[in-house]
Amino acid sequence: MCSSHVNRLRGCAGMIFDLNPKWFEMEHNRADIPQLQALLKLNPEDPTYPVFPPILYSDLVVDIKNLFLYAPLPKILKVVFFGPSSLSSKSKAKPRTNVQLWGITRVTPGAVAFAAIMARFLVSPDTELKQVGSKSHINYQADFNAYKEILTRKAHTKSIKDLFNLYDKFVFSDEPLENIAAVVADSHSNSTDVADIMRLLDLEDTNDADGNHVLRSS
């Protein structure tokens, strides 16, 4: 991704995450900010960063039903596609947005995976987006591939279909995010293993056939 898009996201990260904008400035040491570290780690004492941190889940609860439903993720895509002003309820998308230039009509597995990586990068100690973070040692490339694999291979499940519908409704409309329903399944798991997550998504899809799938407002 070109540096201009990274800088644009960093410049409005305070609005995206509803946090102090100064924390996202290049010179700020985000490793010393407990609120940001809590988004990236299950255990603040752990020196490593997990592949599936709280920042990927709605309500920051590590549970399969919440994966990729953290509100800032679709906000990141909206900024990339339409610009920072698109996050304002008083602003309308301007002509010749990136959506038009790039011919984008829907949110894809790669787009959601990208949003997840950007969310992690923006709150991380890293100042430059590389394959492996120079300070965090997060393997952004490998983790992007893992997220995309889940979203692609399980695109047939109701949970992932609903997830894409939620992203599309928010990213491509003026509908406020809080008015869009988020998927909640009856089965719960805090697994952070890619294979387990894909198995559980199939299990949730089976539960849907029994009418056990419910929705809630995010």
N, C-alpha and C. Protein backbone atom coordinates (compact mmCIF):
# COMPACT_ATOMS: atom_id res chain seq x y z
N MET A 1 0.84 -1.19 0.00
CA MET A 1 0.00 0.00 0.00
C MET A 1 0.88 1.24 0.00
N CYS A 2 0.52 2.25 -0.79
CA CYS A 2 1.35 3.45 -0.88
C CYS A 2 1.30 4.24 0.42
N SER A 3 2.39 4.96 0.68
CA SER A 3 2.53 5.69 1.95
C SER A 3 1.47 6.76 2.12
N SER A 4 0.94 7.28 1.01
CA SER A 4 -0.07 8.33 1.13
C SER A 4 -1.34 7.82 1.80
N HIS A 5 -1.72 6.57 1.49
CA HIS A 5 -2.90 5.99 2.13
C HIS A 5 -2.63 5.70 3.60
N VAL A 6 -1.43 5.23 3.91
CA VAL A 6 -1.06 4.97 5.30
C VAL A 6 -1.10 6.27 6.09
N ASN A 7 -0.52 7.32 5.53
CA ASN A 7 -0.49 8.61 6.21
C ASN A 7 -1.90 9.17 6.38
N ARG A 8 -2.76 8.95 5.39
CA ARG A 8 -4.14 9.43 5.49
C ARG A 8 -4.86 8.72 6.64
N LEU A 9 -4.66 7.41 6.74
CA LEU A 9 -5.29 6.66 7.83
C LEU A 9 -4.72 7.07 9.18
N ARG A 10 -3.41 7.28 9.24
CA ARG A 10 -2.81 7.71 10.50
C ARG A 10 -3.35 9.08 10.92
N GLY A 11 -3.56 9.94 9.92
CA GLY A 11 -4.04 11.29 10.21
C GLY A 11 -5.45 11.34 10.78
N CYS A 12 -6.25 10.32 10.49
CA CYS A 12 -7.63 10.32 11.03
C CYS A 12 -7.86 9.12 11.94
N ALA A 13 -6.78 8.50 12.43
CA ALA A 13 -6.92 7.32 13.30
C ALA A 13 -7.66 7.63 14.59
N GLY A 14 -7.46 8.84 15.10
CA GLY A 14 -8.19 9.22 16.31
C GLY A 14 -9.69 9.13 16.10
N MET A 15 -10.17 9.55 14.92
CA MET A 15 -11.59 9.47 14.59
C MET A 15 -12.02 8.02 14.34
N ILE A 16 -11.16 7.26 13.69
CA ILE A 16 -11.49 5.87 13.39
C ILE A 16 -11.66 5.05 14.67
N PHE A 17 -10.74 5.23 15.61
CA PHE A 17 -10.76 4.44 16.84
C PHE A 17 -11.44 5.15 18.01
N ASP A 18 -11.79 6.41 17.82
CA ASP A 18 -12.37 7.23 18.88
C ASP A 18 -11.42 7.28 20.09
N LEU A 19 -10.15 7.57 19.78
CA LEU A 19 -9.11 7.66 20.79
C LEU A 19 -8.31 8.95 20.58
N ASN A 20 -7.43 9.26 21.51
CA ASN A 20 -6.61 10.46 21.44
C ASN A 20 -5.79 10.47 20.14
N PRO A 21 -6.01 11.45 19.26
CA PRO A 21 -5.28 11.47 17.98
C PRO A 21 -3.77 11.60 18.14
N LYS A 22 -3.31 12.17 19.24
CA LYS A 22 -1.87 12.33 19.44
C LYS A 22 -1.17 10.97 19.58
N TRP A 23 -1.90 9.97 20.03
CA TRP A 23 -1.30 8.65 20.18
C TRP A 23 -0.84 8.06 18.85
N PHE A 24 -1.41 8.53 17.76
CA PHE A 24 -1.11 7.95 16.45
C PHE A 24 -0.06 8.73 15.67
N GLU A 25 0.49 9.77 16.29
CA GLU A 25 1.55 10.52 15.63
C GLU A 25 2.81 9.67 15.56
N MET A 26 3.59 9.88 14.50
CA MET A 26 4.76 9.04 14.23
C MET A 26 5.70 8.95 15.43
N GLU A 27 5.92 10.07 16.11
CA GLU A 27 6.92 10.10 17.17
C GLU A 27 6.42 9.54 18.50
N HIS A 28 5.12 9.22 18.57
CA HIS A 28 4.56 8.73 19.83
C HIS A 28 4.95 7.27 20.05
N ASN A 29 5.32 6.92 21.27
CA ASN A 29 5.69 5.54 21.60
C ASN A 29 4.42 4.78 22.01
N ARG A 30 3.81 4.13 21.05
CA ARG A 30 2.55 3.44 21.31
C ARG A 30 2.73 2.19 22.18
N ALA A 31 3.96 1.70 22.29
CA ALA A 31 4.22 0.54 23.15
C ALA A 31 4.01 0.89 24.62
N ASP A 32 4.05 2.17 24.96
CA ASP A 32 3.88 2.60 26.34
C ASP A 32 2.47 3.07 26.66
N ILE A 33 1.54 2.86 25.73
CA ILE A 33 0.15 3.29 25.96
C ILE A 33 -0.70 2.05 26.25
N PRO A 34 -1.08 1.82 27.50
CA PRO A 34 -1.81 0.60 27.88
C PRO A 34 -3.09 0.38 27.07
N GLN A 35 -3.80 1.47 26.74
CA GLN A 35 -5.05 1.33 26.00
C GLN A 35 -4.82 0.74 24.61
N LEU A 36 -3.70 1.08 23.99
CA LEU A 36 -3.39 0.54 22.67
C LEU A 36 -2.86 -0.88 22.77
N GLN A 37 -2.03 -1.13 23.77
CA GLN A 37 -1.50 -2.48 23.94
C GLN A 37 -2.62 -3.48 24.25
N ALA A 38 -3.67 -3.02 24.94
CA ALA A 38 -4.80 -3.89 25.25
C ALA A 38 -5.55 -4.31 23.99
N LEU A 39 -5.44 -3.51 22.94
CA LEU A 39 -6.07 -3.86 21.66
C LEU A 39 -5.28 -4.93 20.92
N LEU A 40 -4.00 -5.04 21.23
CA LEU A 40 -3.09 -5.92 20.49
C LEU A 40 -2.73 -7.20 21.21
N LYS A 41 -2.96 -7.25 22.52
CA LYS A 41 -2.52 -8.40 23.30
C LYS A 41 -3.62 -8.91 24.22
N LEU A 42 -3.62 -10.23 24.43
CA LEU A 42 -4.50 -10.81 25.44
C LEU A 42 -3.87 -10.67 26.82
N ASN A 43 -2.55 -10.71 26.85
CA ASN A 43 -1.79 -10.58 28.10
C ASN A 43 -0.79 -9.45 27.94
N PRO A 44 -0.98 -8.34 28.67
CA PRO A 44 -0.08 -7.19 28.51
C PRO A 44 1.36 -7.49 28.86
N GLU A 45 1.60 -8.56 29.61
CA GLU A 45 2.97 -8.92 29.99
C GLU A 45 3.66 -9.75 28.92
N ASP A 46 2.90 -10.24 27.96
CA ASP A 46 3.47 -11.06 26.89
C ASP A 46 4.21 -10.17 25.90
N PRO A 47 5.49 -10.43 25.62
CA PRO A 47 6.25 -9.58 24.69
C PRO A 47 5.84 -9.77 23.23
N THR A 48 5.12 -10.86 22.93
CA THR A 48 4.73 -11.12 21.54
C THR A 48 3.30 -10.68 21.29
N TYR A 49 2.97 -10.52 20.01
CA TYR A 49 1.63 -10.09 19.60
C TYR A 49 0.92 -11.24 18.89
N PRO A 50 -0.27 -11.65 19.37
CA PRO A 50 -0.96 -12.78 18.76
C PRO A 50 -1.52 -12.45 17.38
N VAL A 51 -1.76 -13.50 16.60
CA VAL A 51 -2.29 -13.33 15.25
C VAL A 51 -3.74 -12.83 15.29
N PHE A 52 -4.48 -13.24 16.32
CA PHE A 52 -5.87 -12.84 16.46
C PHE A 52 -6.06 -12.06 17.77
N PRO A 53 -5.65 -10.79 17.79
CA PRO A 53 -5.74 -9.98 18.99
C PRO A 53 -7.15 -9.43 19.20
N PRO A 54 -7.43 -8.85 20.36
CA PRO A 54 -8.76 -8.29 20.64
C PRO A 54 -9.24 -7.29 19.60
N ILE A 55 -8.33 -6.56 18.97
CA ILE A 55 -8.71 -5.51 18.02
C ILE A 55 -9.49 -6.05 16.82
N LEU A 56 -9.48 -7.35 16.60
CA LEU A 56 -10.20 -7.92 15.46
C LEU A 56 -11.65 -8.26 15.80
N TYR A 57 -12.05 -8.12 17.06
CA TYR A 57 -13.36 -8.59 17.50
C TYR A 57 -14.23 -7.45 18.02
N SER A 58 -15.53 -7.52 17.72
CA SER A 58 -16.45 -6.54 18.27
C SER A 58 -16.46 -6.67 19.79
N ASP A 59 -16.60 -5.54 20.46
CA ASP A 59 -16.55 -5.47 21.93
C ASP A 59 -15.21 -5.93 22.48
N LEU A 60 -14.22 -6.14 21.59
CA LEU A 60 -12.87 -6.56 21.98
C LEU A 60 -12.89 -7.87 22.74
N VAL A 61 -13.91 -8.69 22.49
CA VAL A 61 -14.04 -10.00 23.13
C VAL A 61 -13.61 -11.06 22.13
N VAL A 62 -12.56 -11.81 22.46
CA VAL A 62 -12.03 -12.82 21.55
C VAL A 62 -12.99 -14.00 21.51
N ASP A 63 -13.83 -14.00 20.50
CA ASP A 63 -14.87 -15.02 20.33
C ASP A 63 -15.16 -15.11 18.84
N ILE A 64 -15.29 -16.31 18.33
CA ILE A 64 -15.49 -16.52 16.90
C ILE A 64 -16.67 -15.72 16.37
N LYS A 65 -17.70 -15.53 17.18
CA LYS A 65 -18.88 -14.80 16.72
C LYS A 65 -18.58 -13.34 16.46
N ASN A 66 -17.49 -12.84 17.00
CA ASN A 66 -17.16 -11.41 16.88
C ASN A 66 -16.05 -11.12 15.88
N LEU A 67 -15.48 -12.14 15.25
CA LEU A 67 -14.28 -11.95 14.43
C LEU A 67 -14.52 -11.03 13.25
N PHE A 68 -13.62 -10.05 13.08
CA PHE A 68 -13.64 -9.04 12.02
C PHE A 68 -14.83 -8.08 12.12
N LEU A 69 -15.46 -8.03 13.30
CA LEU A 69 -16.62 -7.15 13.47
C LEU A 69 -16.31 -5.94 14.36
N TYR A 70 -15.04 -5.67 14.62
CA TYR A 70 -14.67 -4.46 15.38
C TYR A 70 -14.96 -3.24 14.51
N ALA A 71 -15.70 -2.29 15.04
CA ALA A 71 -16.21 -1.16 14.25
C ALA A 71 -15.16 -0.40 13.44
N PRO A 72 -13.95 -0.16 13.96
CA PRO A 72 -12.96 0.58 13.15
C PRO A 72 -12.55 -0.10 11.85
N LEU A 73 -12.74 -1.41 11.72
CA LEU A 73 -12.30 -2.09 10.49
C LEU A 73 -13.04 -1.59 9.25
N PRO A 74 -14.39 -1.59 9.23
CA PRO A 74 -15.06 -1.02 8.06
C PRO A 74 -14.83 0.48 7.92
N LYS A 75 -14.56 1.17 9.03
CA LYS A 75 -14.25 2.60 8.94
C LYS A 75 -12.95 2.81 8.17
N ILE A 76 -11.99 1.94 8.38
CA ILE A 76 -10.72 2.03 7.65
C ILE A 76 -10.96 1.91 6.16
N LEU A 77 -11.79 0.97 5.75
CA LEU A 77 -12.09 0.82 4.33
C LEU A 77 -12.82 2.03 3.78
N LYS A 78 -13.71 2.60 4.57
CA LYS A 78 -14.45 3.76 4.10
C LYS A 78 -13.51 4.93 3.84
N VAL A 79 -12.52 5.11 4.71
CA VAL A 79 -11.55 6.18 4.53
C VAL A 79 -10.71 5.94 3.28
N VAL A 80 -10.25 4.71 3.09
CA VAL A 80 -9.43 4.39 1.92
C VAL A 80 -10.24 4.59 0.63
N PHE A 81 -11.49 4.17 0.63
CA PHE A 81 -12.31 4.23 -0.58
C PHE A 81 -12.84 5.64 -0.87
N PHE A 82 -13.28 6.35 0.19
CA PHE A 82 -13.98 7.62 -0.01
C PHE A 82 -13.31 8.84 0.63
N GLY A 83 -12.25 8.62 1.42
CA GLY A 83 -11.58 9.74 2.07
C GLY A 83 -12.06 9.94 3.49
N PRO A 84 -11.28 10.65 4.32
CA PRO A 84 -11.61 10.85 5.73
C PRO A 84 -12.95 11.54 5.96
N SER A 85 -13.34 12.43 5.05
CA SER A 85 -14.60 13.16 5.25
C SER A 85 -15.81 12.24 5.21
N SER A 86 -15.65 11.03 4.66
CA SER A 86 -16.77 10.10 4.57
C SER A 86 -17.23 9.60 5.93
N LEU A 87 -16.37 9.74 6.97
CA LEU A 87 -16.75 9.31 8.30
C LEU A 87 -17.67 10.30 8.99
N SER A 88 -17.77 11.49 8.45
CA SER A 88 -18.64 12.51 9.02
C SER A 88 -20.05 12.32 8.52
N SER A 89 -21.02 12.34 9.43
CA SER A 89 -22.42 12.16 9.05
C SER A 89 -22.92 13.33 8.22
N LYS A 90 -22.20 14.45 8.27
CA LYS A 90 -22.62 15.63 7.53
C LYS A 90 -21.98 15.71 6.15
N SER A 91 -21.11 14.74 5.86
CA SER A 91 -20.36 14.78 4.60
C SER A 91 -20.88 13.75 3.62
N LYS A 92 -20.86 14.09 2.37
CA LYS A 92 -21.23 13.17 1.31
C LYS A 92 -19.96 12.81 0.52
N ALA A 93 -19.94 11.61 -0.03
CA ALA A 93 -18.79 11.19 -0.82
C ALA A 93 -18.63 12.09 -2.04
N LYS A 94 -17.41 12.48 -2.31
CA LYS A 94 -17.13 13.37 -3.43
C LYS A 94 -16.89 12.57 -4.71
N PRO A 95 -17.05 13.21 -5.88
CA PRO A 95 -16.82 12.48 -7.13
C PRO A 95 -15.36 12.07 -7.28
N ARG A 96 -15.17 11.06 -8.12
CA ARG A 96 -13.84 10.51 -8.42
C ARG A 96 -13.15 10.02 -7.15
N THR A 97 -13.87 9.25 -6.36
CA THR A 97 -13.28 8.61 -5.20
C THR A 97 -12.48 7.40 -5.67
N ASN A 98 -11.73 6.81 -4.74
CA ASN A 98 -10.95 5.62 -5.10
C ASN A 98 -11.85 4.47 -5.54
N VAL A 99 -13.07 4.41 -5.01
CA VAL A 99 -14.02 3.38 -5.43
C VAL A 99 -14.26 3.48 -6.93
N GLN A 100 -14.43 4.69 -7.42
CA GLN A 100 -14.66 4.89 -8.85
C GLN A 100 -13.38 4.65 -9.66
N LEU A 101 -12.28 5.15 -9.15
CA LEU A 101 -11.00 5.00 -9.86
C LEU A 101 -10.58 3.55 -9.96
N TRP A 102 -10.85 2.78 -8.90
CA TRP A 102 -10.42 1.39 -8.86
C TRP A 102 -11.51 0.43 -9.33
N GLY A 103 -12.71 0.93 -9.59
CA GLY A 103 -13.80 0.07 -10.05
C GLY A 103 -14.31 -0.89 -8.99
N ILE A 104 -14.33 -0.44 -7.73
CA ILE A 104 -14.76 -1.30 -6.62
C ILE A 104 -16.27 -1.21 -6.45
N THR A 105 -16.93 -2.36 -6.34
CA THR A 105 -18.38 -2.39 -6.16
C THR A 105 -18.81 -3.12 -4.90
N ARG A 106 -17.88 -3.82 -4.27
CA ARG A 106 -18.22 -4.56 -3.05
C ARG A 106 -16.96 -4.80 -2.22
N VAL A 107 -17.15 -5.13 -0.97
CA VAL A 107 -16.04 -5.46 -0.09
C VAL A 107 -15.64 -6.92 -0.33
N THR A 108 -14.36 -7.15 -0.47
CA THR A 108 -13.83 -8.48 -0.77
C THR A 108 -13.08 -9.06 0.43
N PRO A 109 -12.77 -10.37 0.40
CA PRO A 109 -11.96 -10.95 1.48
C PRO A 109 -10.63 -10.22 1.68
N GLY A 110 -9.99 -9.85 0.58
CA GLY A 110 -8.73 -9.12 0.69
C GLY A 110 -8.89 -7.76 1.35
N ALA A 111 -10.02 -7.10 1.09
CA ALA A 111 -10.27 -5.79 1.69
C ALA A 111 -10.45 -5.89 3.20
N VAL A 112 -11.21 -6.89 3.66
CA VAL A 112 -11.40 -7.08 5.09
C VAL A 112 -10.08 -7.45 5.76
N ALA A 113 -9.32 -8.34 5.12
CA ALA A 113 -8.01 -8.71 5.65
C ALA A 113 -7.09 -7.50 5.74
N PHE A 114 -7.13 -6.66 4.72
CA PHE A 114 -6.33 -5.43 4.71
C PHE A 114 -6.73 -4.52 5.86
N ALA A 115 -8.03 -4.35 6.07
CA ALA A 115 -8.51 -3.48 7.16
C ALA A 115 -8.03 -4.01 8.51
N ALA A 116 -8.05 -5.33 8.67
CA ALA A 116 -7.61 -5.92 9.93
C ALA A 116 -6.12 -5.66 10.16
N ILE A 117 -5.32 -5.79 9.10
CA ILE A 117 -3.88 -5.52 9.21
C ILE A 117 -3.62 -4.05 9.50
N MET A 118 -4.35 -3.17 8.83
CA MET A 118 -4.14 -1.74 9.05
C MET A 118 -4.53 -1.34 10.46
N ALA A 119 -5.59 -1.92 10.98
CA ALA A 119 -6.00 -1.61 12.36
C ALA A 119 -4.89 -1.99 13.33
N ARG A 120 -4.31 -3.16 13.14
CA ARG A 120 -3.21 -3.59 14.01
C ARG A 120 -2.00 -2.69 13.85
N PHE A 121 -1.66 -2.36 12.61
CA PHE A 121 -0.50 -1.52 12.36
C PHE A 121 -0.66 -0.14 13.00
N LEU A 122 -1.81 0.46 12.84
CA LEU A 122 -2.02 1.83 13.33
C LEU A 122 -1.87 1.96 14.84
N VAL A 123 -2.25 0.92 15.58
CA VAL A 123 -2.14 1.00 17.04
C VAL A 123 -0.84 0.37 17.55
N SER A 124 -0.04 -0.19 16.64
CA SER A 124 1.21 -0.86 17.03
C SER A 124 2.33 0.16 17.23
N PRO A 125 3.46 -0.29 17.79
CA PRO A 125 4.61 0.61 17.93
C PRO A 125 5.30 0.92 16.60
N ASP A 126 4.97 0.19 15.55
CA ASP A 126 5.64 0.35 14.26
C ASP A 126 5.31 1.70 13.62
N THR A 127 6.30 2.27 12.96
CA THR A 127 6.11 3.55 12.28
C THR A 127 6.08 3.40 10.76
N GLU A 128 6.48 2.24 10.27
CA GLU A 128 6.47 1.98 8.83
C GLU A 128 5.88 0.60 8.58
N LEU A 129 4.95 0.52 7.62
CA LEU A 129 4.32 -0.75 7.31
C LEU A 129 5.23 -1.59 6.42
N LYS A 130 5.76 -2.67 6.99
CA LYS A 130 6.62 -3.60 6.27
C LYS A 130 6.04 -5.01 6.40
N GLN A 131 6.65 -5.95 5.71
CA GLN A 131 6.19 -7.33 5.80
C GLN A 131 6.21 -7.80 7.25
N VAL A 132 7.28 -7.47 7.96
CA VAL A 132 7.39 -7.76 9.39
C VAL A 132 7.70 -6.46 10.11
N GLY A 133 6.90 -6.13 11.12
CA GLY A 133 7.08 -4.88 11.85
C GLY A 133 8.45 -4.80 12.51
N SER A 134 9.14 -3.67 12.35
CA SER A 134 10.50 -3.54 12.88
C SER A 134 10.53 -3.49 14.40
N LYS A 135 9.46 -3.01 15.03
CA LYS A 135 9.41 -2.92 16.49
C LYS A 135 8.53 -4.01 17.09
N SER A 136 7.39 -4.24 16.50
CA SER A 136 6.45 -5.22 17.04
C SER A 136 6.81 -6.66 16.66
N HIS A 137 7.51 -6.79 15.52
CA HIS A 137 7.84 -8.10 14.94
C HIS A 137 6.58 -8.86 14.51
N ILE A 138 5.48 -8.13 14.34
CA ILE A 138 4.27 -8.73 13.79
C ILE A 138 4.53 -9.07 12.32
N ASN A 139 4.21 -10.27 11.93
CA ASN A 139 4.38 -10.67 10.53
C ASN A 139 3.10 -10.27 9.79
N TYR A 140 3.05 -9.04 9.34
CA TYR A 140 1.84 -8.51 8.72
C TYR A 140 1.45 -9.28 7.46
N GLN A 141 2.45 -9.68 6.67
CA GLN A 141 2.15 -10.39 5.43
C GLN A 141 1.54 -11.76 5.72
N ALA A 142 2.15 -12.51 6.63
CA ALA A 142 1.64 -13.85 6.95
C ALA A 142 0.25 -13.76 7.57
N ASP A 143 0.04 -12.77 8.43
CA ASP A 143 -1.27 -12.63 9.08
C ASP A 143 -2.34 -12.20 8.09
N PHE A 144 -1.97 -11.31 7.16
CA PHE A 144 -2.91 -10.94 6.09
C PHE A 144 -3.33 -12.20 5.32
N ASN A 145 -2.36 -13.04 4.98
CA ASN A 145 -2.67 -14.25 4.23
C ASN A 145 -3.61 -15.16 5.03
N ALA A 146 -3.40 -15.25 6.35
CA ALA A 146 -4.25 -16.10 7.19
C ALA A 146 -5.68 -15.56 7.23
N TYR A 147 -5.84 -14.25 7.40
CA TYR A 147 -7.17 -13.65 7.43
C TYR A 147 -7.90 -13.85 6.10
N LYS A 148 -7.18 -13.61 5.01
CA LYS A 148 -7.79 -13.74 3.69
C LYS A 148 -8.18 -15.18 3.42
N GLU A 149 -7.37 -16.12 3.89
CA GLU A 149 -7.70 -17.53 3.69
C GLU A 149 -9.00 -17.89 4.40
N ILE A 150 -9.16 -17.43 5.63
CA ILE A 150 -10.40 -17.70 6.36
C ILE A 150 -11.59 -17.11 5.62
N LEU A 151 -11.49 -15.86 5.24
CA LEU A 151 -12.60 -15.15 4.60
C LEU A 151 -12.93 -15.72 3.22
N THR A 152 -11.91 -16.23 2.53
CA THR A 152 -12.13 -16.79 1.19
C THR A 152 -12.68 -18.21 1.26
N ARG A 153 -12.05 -19.05 2.06
CA ARG A 153 -12.45 -20.45 2.12
C ARG A 153 -13.80 -20.64 2.81
N LYS A 154 -14.18 -19.69 3.69
CA LYS A 154 -15.45 -19.81 4.40
C LYS A 154 -16.47 -18.78 3.92
N ALA A 155 -16.28 -18.29 2.70
CA ALA A 155 -17.20 -17.29 2.15
C ALA A 155 -18.60 -17.84 1.97
N HIS A 156 -18.73 -19.17 1.93
CA HIS A 156 -20.04 -19.79 1.74
C HIS A 156 -20.86 -19.85 3.02
N THR A 157 -20.23 -19.63 4.19
CA THR A 157 -20.95 -19.73 5.45
C THR A 157 -21.80 -18.49 5.68
N LYS A 158 -22.87 -18.67 6.43
CA LYS A 158 -23.77 -17.54 6.68
C LYS A 158 -23.08 -16.43 7.47
N SER A 159 -22.22 -16.81 8.42
CA SER A 159 -21.52 -15.80 9.22
C SER A 159 -20.69 -14.87 8.35
N ILE A 160 -19.93 -15.45 7.41
CA ILE A 160 -19.08 -14.62 6.55
C ILE A 160 -19.91 -13.86 5.53
N LYS A 161 -20.97 -14.47 5.01
CA LYS A 161 -21.87 -13.75 4.10
C LYS A 161 -22.47 -12.55 4.80
N ASP A 162 -22.93 -12.74 6.04
CA ASP A 162 -23.50 -11.63 6.80
C ASP A 162 -22.46 -10.55 7.08
N LEU A 163 -21.23 -10.98 7.36
CA LEU A 163 -20.15 -10.02 7.61
C LEU A 163 -19.94 -9.12 6.40
N PHE A 164 -19.87 -9.72 5.21
CA PHE A 164 -19.67 -8.91 4.00
C PHE A 164 -20.87 -7.99 3.76
N ASN A 165 -22.07 -8.45 4.04
CA ASN A 165 -23.25 -7.59 3.89
C ASN A 165 -23.18 -6.38 4.81
N LEU A 166 -22.70 -6.61 6.04
CA LEU A 166 -22.57 -5.51 7.00
C LEU A 166 -21.55 -4.48 6.51
N TYR A 167 -20.41 -4.98 6.04
CA TYR A 167 -19.38 -4.08 5.52
C TYR A 167 -19.90 -3.30 4.32
N ASP A 168 -20.56 -4.00 3.40
CA ASP A 168 -21.07 -3.33 2.19
C ASP A 168 -22.07 -2.23 2.55
N LYS A 169 -22.96 -2.53 3.49
CA LYS A 169 -23.99 -1.55 3.87
C LYS A 169 -23.36 -0.30 4.44
N PHE A 170 -22.32 -0.48 5.27
CA PHE A 170 -21.69 0.69 5.88
C PHE A 170 -20.78 1.43 4.90
N VAL A 171 -19.91 0.68 4.23
CA VAL A 171 -18.90 1.30 3.37
C VAL A 171 -19.52 2.03 2.18
N PHE A 172 -20.56 1.45 1.58
CA PHE A 172 -21.12 2.00 0.35
C PHE A 172 -22.43 2.76 0.55
N SER A 173 -22.71 3.14 1.78
CA SER A 173 -23.91 3.93 2.02
C SER A 173 -23.64 4.95 3.12
N ASP A 174 -24.62 5.78 3.40
CA ASP A 174 -24.50 6.77 4.48
C ASP A 174 -25.12 6.26 5.77
N GLU A 175 -25.43 4.96 5.80
CA GLU A 175 -26.05 4.38 6.98
C GLU A 175 -25.05 4.38 8.15
N PRO A 176 -25.43 4.92 9.32
CA PRO A 176 -24.53 4.91 10.47
C PRO A 176 -24.22 3.48 10.90
N LEU A 177 -23.00 3.26 11.32
CA LEU A 177 -22.57 1.91 11.69
C LEU A 177 -23.42 1.35 12.82
N GLU A 178 -23.83 2.21 13.76
CA GLU A 178 -24.59 1.71 14.90
C GLU A 178 -25.99 1.22 14.50
N ASN A 179 -26.43 1.57 13.30
CA ASN A 179 -27.75 1.12 12.85
C ASN A 179 -27.70 -0.20 12.09
N ILE A 180 -26.50 -0.71 11.88
CA ILE A 180 -26.34 -1.92 11.09
C ILE A 180 -26.16 -3.11 12.03
N ALA A 181 -26.95 -4.14 11.83
CA ALA A 181 -26.90 -5.31 12.72
C ALA A 181 -25.59 -6.05 12.56
N ALA A 182 -25.09 -6.61 13.67
CA ALA A 182 -23.88 -7.43 13.66
C ALA A 182 -24.26 -8.87 13.97
N VAL A 183 -23.55 -9.79 13.35
CA VAL A 183 -23.89 -11.19 13.51
C VAL A 183 -23.41 -11.72 14.85
N VAL A 184 -24.30 -12.46 15.51
CA VAL A 184 -23.93 -13.13 16.74
C VAL A 184 -24.43 -14.57 16.66
N ALA A 185 -23.55 -15.52 16.81
CA ALA A 185 -23.95 -16.92 16.76
C ALA A 185 -24.06 -17.49 18.17
N ASP A 186 -24.80 -18.58 18.32
CA ASP A 186 -24.97 -19.19 19.64
C ASP A 186 -23.71 -19.93 20.09
N SER A 187 -22.91 -20.42 19.15
CA SER A 187 -21.70 -21.12 19.52
C SER A 187 -20.61 -20.11 19.85
N HIS A 188 -19.81 -20.41 20.86
CA HIS A 188 -18.78 -19.48 21.32
C HIS A 188 -17.44 -20.20 21.37
N SER A 189 -16.39 -19.50 21.00
CA SER A 189 -15.04 -20.05 21.09
C SER A 189 -14.04 -18.92 21.11
N ASN A 190 -13.01 -19.06 21.94
CA ASN A 190 -11.93 -18.08 21.95
C ASN A 190 -10.69 -18.63 21.27
N SER A 191 -10.87 -19.60 20.36
CA SER A 191 -9.75 -20.18 19.64
C SER A 191 -9.06 -19.12 18.80
N THR A 192 -7.74 -19.20 18.73
CA THR A 192 -6.97 -18.30 17.87
C THR A 192 -6.17 -19.10 16.84
N ASP A 193 -6.62 -20.31 16.57
CA ASP A 193 -5.99 -21.16 15.57
C ASP A 193 -6.78 -21.08 14.27
N VAL A 194 -6.10 -20.86 13.14
CA VAL A 194 -6.79 -20.67 11.86
C VAL A 194 -7.67 -21.87 11.53
N ALA A 195 -7.14 -23.08 11.69
CA ALA A 195 -7.91 -24.28 11.35
C ALA A 195 -9.14 -24.41 12.24
N ASP A 196 -8.99 -24.12 13.54
CA ASP A 196 -10.13 -24.18 14.46
C ASP A 196 -11.20 -23.17 14.09
N ILE A 197 -10.76 -21.97 13.73
CA ILE A 197 -11.72 -20.92 13.36
C ILE A 197 -12.52 -21.33 12.14
N MET A 198 -11.86 -21.91 11.15
CA MET A 198 -12.58 -22.32 9.94
C MET A 198 -13.54 -23.47 10.25
N ARG A 199 -13.14 -24.39 11.14
CA ARG A 199 -14.02 -25.49 11.53
C ARG A 199 -15.25 -24.95 12.27
N LEU A 200 -15.04 -23.99 13.15
CA LEU A 200 -16.14 -23.43 13.92
C LEU A 200 -17.10 -22.63 13.05
N LEU A 201 -16.58 -21.99 12.01
CA LEU A 201 -17.46 -21.28 11.08
C LEU A 201 -18.38 -22.26 10.36
N ASP A 202 -17.85 -23.43 10.01
CA ASP A 202 -18.69 -24.46 9.41
C ASP A 202 -19.73 -24.95 10.40
N LEU A 203 -19.35 -25.07 11.68
CA LEU A 203 -20.28 -25.50 12.71
C LEU A 203 -21.40 -24.49 12.88
N GLU A 204 -21.06 -23.20 12.87
CA GLU A 204 -22.07 -22.16 12.97
C GLU A 204 -23.04 -22.22 11.80
N ASP A 205 -22.50 -22.54 10.62
CA ASP A 205 -23.36 -22.63 9.44
C ASP A 205 -24.36 -23.77 9.61
N THR A 206 -23.94 -24.87 10.23
CA THR A 206 -24.85 -25.97 10.52
C THR A 206 -25.92 -25.54 11.51
N ASN A 207 -25.53 -24.77 12.51
CA ASN A 207 -26.49 -24.27 13.50
C ASN A 207 -27.52 -23.37 12.86
N ASP A 208 -27.11 -22.59 11.85
CA ASP A 208 -28.05 -21.71 11.16
C ASP A 208 -29.22 -22.48 10.59
N ALA A 209 -28.94 -23.69 10.10
CA ALA A 209 -30.00 -24.50 9.50
C ALA A 209 -31.05 -24.87 10.53
N ASP A 210 -30.66 -24.85 11.81
CA ASP A 210 -31.60 -25.16 12.88
C ASP A 210 -32.26 -23.92 13.45
N GLY A 211 -31.96 -22.78 12.85
CA GLY A 211 -32.60 -21.55 13.28
C GLY A 211 -32.01 -20.93 14.53
N ASN A 212 -30.74 -21.24 14.81
CA ASN A 212 -30.13 -20.76 16.04
C ASN A 212 -29.32 -19.49 15.86
N HIS A 213 -29.34 -18.92 14.68
CA HIS A 213 -28.54 -17.72 14.41
C HIS A 213 -29.34 -16.47 14.78
N VAL A 214 -28.70 -15.56 15.50
CA VAL A 214 -29.39 -14.36 15.93
C VAL A 214 -28.59 -13.14 15.53
N LEU A 215 -29.22 -11.99 15.52
CA LEU A 215 -28.58 -10.73 15.19
C LEU A 215 -28.72 -9.77 16.35
N ARG A 216 -27.76 -8.85 16.44
CA ARG A 216 -27.89 -7.77 17.41
C ARG A 216 -27.36 -6.52 16.77
N SER A 217 -27.75 -5.37 17.29
CA SER A 217 -27.22 -4.10 16.80
C SER A 217 -25.83 -3.90 17.36
N SER A 218 -24.90 -3.40 16.50
CA SER A 218 -23.52 -3.19 16.96
C SER A 218 -23.43 -1.90 17.75
